[in-house]
Amino acid sequence: MQAAGPVAEKMKEVPETSDITPKEAKPLEKPEAGAKPPDIGAAKASQTATRIR
């Protein structure tokens, strides 16, 4: 399929960017790490987990 009429011609035009103002980029703040979660005993949940050790 081909675009009909003005669509095909508009695609060939250079976009108008004179009204666009750049936005200032702010660096992200480094998050603070929380406390280490407690051991939930996952090694005891499966025999496979104990054999891998």
N, C-alpha and C. Protein backbone atom coordinates (compact mmCIF):
# COMPACT_ATOMS: atom_id res chain seq x y z
N MET A 1 0.84 -1.19 0.00
CA MET A 1 0.00 0.00 0.00
C MET A 1 0.87 1.24 0.00
N GLN A 2 0.38 2.27 -0.62
CA GLN A 2 1.09 3.53 -0.64
C GLN A 2 0.22 4.60 0.02
N ALA A 3 0.90 5.56 0.66
CA ALA A 3 0.17 6.66 1.28
C ALA A 3 -0.44 7.52 0.19
N ALA A 4 -1.61 8.04 0.45
CA ALA A 4 -2.29 8.86 -0.54
C ALA A 4 -2.03 10.33 -0.31
N GLY A 5 -1.76 11.05 -1.36
CA GLY A 5 -1.66 12.51 -1.35
C GLY A 5 -0.66 13.11 -0.41
N PRO A 6 -1.12 14.03 0.47
CA PRO A 6 -0.23 14.84 1.29
C PRO A 6 0.64 14.04 2.27
N VAL A 7 0.23 12.86 2.65
CA VAL A 7 0.99 12.07 3.62
C VAL A 7 2.36 11.72 3.05
N ALA A 8 2.41 11.28 1.83
CA ALA A 8 3.68 10.91 1.20
C ALA A 8 4.60 12.12 1.09
N GLU A 9 4.06 13.27 0.77
CA GLU A 9 4.88 14.49 0.64
C GLU A 9 5.32 15.01 2.01
N LYS A 10 4.48 14.92 3.02
CA LYS A 10 4.85 15.38 4.37
C LYS A 10 5.98 14.54 4.94
N MET A 11 6.04 13.27 4.58
CA MET A 11 7.11 12.41 5.07
C MET A 11 8.47 12.84 4.55
N LYS A 12 8.50 13.48 3.41
CA LYS A 12 9.76 13.92 2.80
C LYS A 12 10.24 15.25 3.40
N GLU A 13 9.38 16.01 4.06
CA GLU A 13 9.74 17.31 4.61
C GLU A 13 10.59 17.16 5.87
N VAL A 14 11.41 18.18 6.13
CA VAL A 14 12.22 18.22 7.35
C VAL A 14 11.31 18.68 8.49
N PRO A 15 11.34 18.04 9.64
CA PRO A 15 10.48 18.43 10.77
C PRO A 15 10.80 19.84 11.26
N GLU A 16 9.78 20.56 11.69
CA GLU A 16 9.92 21.91 12.24
C GLU A 16 10.24 21.78 13.73
N THR A 17 11.42 22.21 14.13
CA THR A 17 11.84 22.07 15.53
C THR A 17 12.12 23.40 16.21
N SER A 18 11.76 24.51 15.59
CA SER A 18 12.10 25.82 16.17
C SER A 18 11.33 26.12 17.45
N ASP A 19 10.17 25.52 17.64
CA ASP A 19 9.37 25.77 18.85
C ASP A 19 9.75 24.87 20.02
N ILE A 20 10.67 23.96 19.81
CA ILE A 20 11.03 23.00 20.86
C ILE A 20 12.16 23.57 21.70
N THR A 21 11.94 23.61 23.02
CA THR A 21 12.99 24.08 23.93
C THR A 21 13.56 22.87 24.66
N PRO A 22 14.90 22.79 24.73
CA PRO A 22 15.49 21.64 25.42
C PRO A 22 15.20 21.67 26.92
N LYS A 23 15.03 20.52 27.49
CA LYS A 23 14.76 20.40 28.92
C LYS A 23 16.07 20.04 29.62
N GLU A 24 16.33 20.67 30.76
CA GLU A 24 17.55 20.41 31.50
C GLU A 24 17.47 19.03 32.14
N ALA A 25 18.51 18.25 31.92
CA ALA A 25 18.55 16.91 32.50
C ALA A 25 19.20 16.98 33.87
N LYS A 26 18.56 16.36 34.84
CA LYS A 26 19.09 16.32 36.20
C LYS A 26 19.61 14.91 36.47
N PRO A 27 20.80 14.78 37.06
CA PRO A 27 21.29 13.43 37.38
C PRO A 27 20.43 12.78 38.45
N LEU A 28 20.30 11.47 38.36
CA LEU A 28 19.52 10.74 39.34
C LEU A 28 20.29 10.64 40.65
N GLU A 29 19.55 10.69 41.75
CA GLU A 29 20.17 10.54 43.06
C GLU A 29 20.41 9.06 43.32
N LYS A 30 21.52 8.75 43.95
CA LYS A 30 21.84 7.36 44.25
C LYS A 30 20.98 6.94 45.46
N PRO A 31 20.20 5.87 45.31
CA PRO A 31 19.36 5.44 46.43
C PRO A 31 20.20 4.80 47.53
N GLU A 32 19.74 4.95 48.75
CA GLU A 32 20.42 4.33 49.87
C GLU A 32 19.96 2.88 49.98
N ALA A 33 20.92 1.99 50.22
CA ALA A 33 20.58 0.58 50.36
C ALA A 33 19.96 0.34 51.74
N GLY A 34 18.93 -0.46 51.76
CA GLY A 34 18.29 -0.79 53.03
C GLY A 34 19.03 -1.91 53.74
N ALA A 35 18.47 -2.35 54.82
CA ALA A 35 19.08 -3.43 55.59
C ALA A 35 18.97 -4.75 54.83
N LYS A 36 19.91 -5.65 55.07
CA LYS A 36 19.90 -6.97 54.43
C LYS A 36 18.69 -7.75 54.95
N PRO A 37 17.94 -8.39 54.06
CA PRO A 37 16.78 -9.15 54.51
C PRO A 37 17.21 -10.36 55.34
N PRO A 38 16.36 -10.81 56.23
CA PRO A 38 16.71 -11.96 57.06
C PRO A 38 16.73 -13.25 56.25
N ASP A 39 17.46 -14.25 56.73
CA ASP A 39 17.50 -15.56 56.09
C ASP A 39 16.14 -16.23 56.28
N ILE A 40 15.54 -16.67 55.18
CA ILE A 40 14.22 -17.30 55.29
C ILE A 40 14.30 -18.82 55.22
N GLY A 41 15.51 -19.37 55.21
CA GLY A 41 15.68 -20.81 55.22
C GLY A 41 15.39 -21.47 53.89
N ALA A 42 15.68 -20.82 52.80
CA ALA A 42 15.38 -21.36 51.48
C ALA A 42 16.17 -22.64 51.20
N ALA A 43 17.34 -22.80 51.79
CA ALA A 43 18.14 -24.00 51.56
C ALA A 43 17.43 -25.24 52.09
N LYS A 44 16.56 -25.08 53.06
CA LYS A 44 15.84 -26.22 53.63
C LYS A 44 14.55 -26.53 52.85
N ALA A 45 14.22 -25.71 51.88
CA ALA A 45 12.95 -25.86 51.17
C ALA A 45 12.98 -27.00 50.15
N SER A 46 14.14 -27.38 49.68
CA SER A 46 14.23 -28.40 48.65
C SER A 46 15.47 -29.24 48.85
N GLN A 47 15.37 -30.52 48.54
CA GLN A 47 16.55 -31.38 48.65
C GLN A 47 17.59 -30.99 47.64
N THR A 48 17.18 -30.49 46.48
CA THR A 48 18.11 -30.05 45.44
C THR A 48 19.00 -28.93 45.97
N ALA A 49 18.42 -28.01 46.71
CA ALA A 49 19.19 -26.88 47.23
C ALA A 49 20.26 -27.35 48.19
N THR A 50 20.01 -28.39 48.95
CA THR A 50 21.01 -28.87 49.90
C THR A 50 22.10 -29.68 49.20
N ARG A 51 21.78 -30.32 48.07
CA ARG A 51 22.78 -31.09 47.33
C ARG A 51 23.74 -30.19 46.57
N ILE A 52 23.30 -29.02 46.18
CA ILE A 52 24.13 -28.10 45.40
C ILE A 52 25.27 -27.56 46.25
N ARG A 53 25.06 -27.41 47.51
CA ARG A 53 26.08 -26.84 48.38
C ARG A 53 27.31 -27.59 48.29
